[in-house]
């Protein structure tokens, strides 16, 4: 199940990056548009790394954070 989750997450991240970059006219502009998405995913991963104990059930509805919590618990 962990492998399926990682595969799903890689497709999801790739799709989000592709959708964001569609609006750019140049490669440099696409990189500028994509950078906030990279930072958001990085920050969510770091938050899950430093969290202790069992997370609240309401946090499972936060996109990307729920995937990080599922990987951390396995």
Protein backbone atom coordinates (compact mmCIF):
# COMPACT_ATOMS: atom_id res chain seq x y z
CA UNK A 1 0.00 0.00 0.00
CA UNK A 2 2.93 2.33 0.71
CA UNK A 3 4.20 1.84 -2.85
CA UNK A 4 0.78 2.66 -4.30
CA UNK A 5 0.59 5.78 -2.14
CA UNK A 6 4.03 6.94 -3.31
CA UNK A 7 3.12 6.27 -6.93
CA UNK A 8 -0.13 8.19 -6.56
CA UNK A 9 1.67 11.12 -4.91
CA UNK A 10 4.27 11.31 -7.68
CA UNK A 11 1.53 11.44 -10.33
CA UNK A 12 -0.36 14.05 -8.31
CA UNK A 13 2.69 16.30 -7.89
CA UNK A 14 3.63 15.97 -11.55
CA UNK A 15 0.10 16.86 -12.62
CA UNK A 16 0.00 19.92 -10.38
CA UNK A 17 3.36 21.14 -11.70
CA UNK A 18 2.23 20.59 -15.29
CA UNK A 19 -1.04 22.43 -14.71
CA UNK A 20 0.72 25.39 -13.12
CA UNK A 21 3.36 25.60 -15.85
CA UNK A 22 0.74 25.60 -18.63
CA UNK A 23 -0.02 29.25 -17.86
CA UNK A 24 3.59 30.36 -18.38
CA UNK A 25 4.98 31.66 -21.66
CA UNK A 26 8.63 30.83 -20.99
CA UNK A 27 10.52 28.24 -18.99
CA UNK A 28 11.81 30.90 -16.61
CA UNK A 29 8.28 32.14 -15.97
CA UNK A 30 7.11 28.56 -15.37
CA UNK A 31 9.82 28.10 -12.76
CA UNK A 32 8.64 31.24 -11.04
CA UNK A 33 5.06 30.00 -10.97
CA UNK A 34 6.02 26.55 -9.70
CA UNK A 35 8.28 27.71 -6.85
CA UNK A 36 5.43 28.43 -4.36
CA UNK A 37 4.05 24.92 -4.94
CA UNK A 38 7.50 23.43 -4.23
CA UNK A 39 7.76 25.48 -1.04
CA UNK A 40 4.29 24.44 0.11
CA UNK A 41 5.06 20.74 -0.33
CA UNK A 42 8.42 21.17 1.40
CA UNK A 43 6.90 22.97 4.39
CA UNK A 44 4.15 20.36 4.77
CA UNK A 45 6.76 17.61 4.69
CA UNK A 46 8.83 19.33 7.34
CA UNK A 47 5.79 19.88 9.57
CA UNK A 48 4.98 16.20 9.42
CA UNK A 49 8.58 15.32 10.25
CA UNK A 50 8.56 17.33 13.47
CA UNK A 51 5.06 16.38 14.64
CA UNK A 52 4.78 13.93 17.50
CA UNK A 53 1.91 11.78 18.66
CA UNK A 54 -1.23 10.95 16.77
CA UNK A 55 -2.51 13.79 14.56
CA UNK A 56 -6.01 15.17 14.91
CA UNK A 57 -8.58 13.58 12.65
CA UNK A 58 -9.47 16.94 11.10
CA UNK A 59 -5.91 17.26 9.73
CA UNK A 60 -6.45 14.23 7.50
CA UNK A 61 -8.55 16.46 5.22
CA UNK A 62 -5.61 18.77 4.43
CA UNK A 63 -4.23 17.93 0.96
CA UNK A 64 -0.62 16.71 0.88
CA UNK A 65 -0.45 16.66 4.69
CA UNK A 66 -2.60 13.54 4.83
CA UNK A 67 -0.19 11.75 2.50
CA UNK A 68 2.78 12.73 4.66
CA UNK A 69 0.96 11.49 7.79
CA UNK A 70 0.08 8.18 6.10
CA UNK A 71 3.72 7.62 5.17
CA UNK A 72 4.89 8.58 8.64
CA UNK A 73 2.51 6.12 10.31
CA UNK A 74 3.51 3.17 8.13
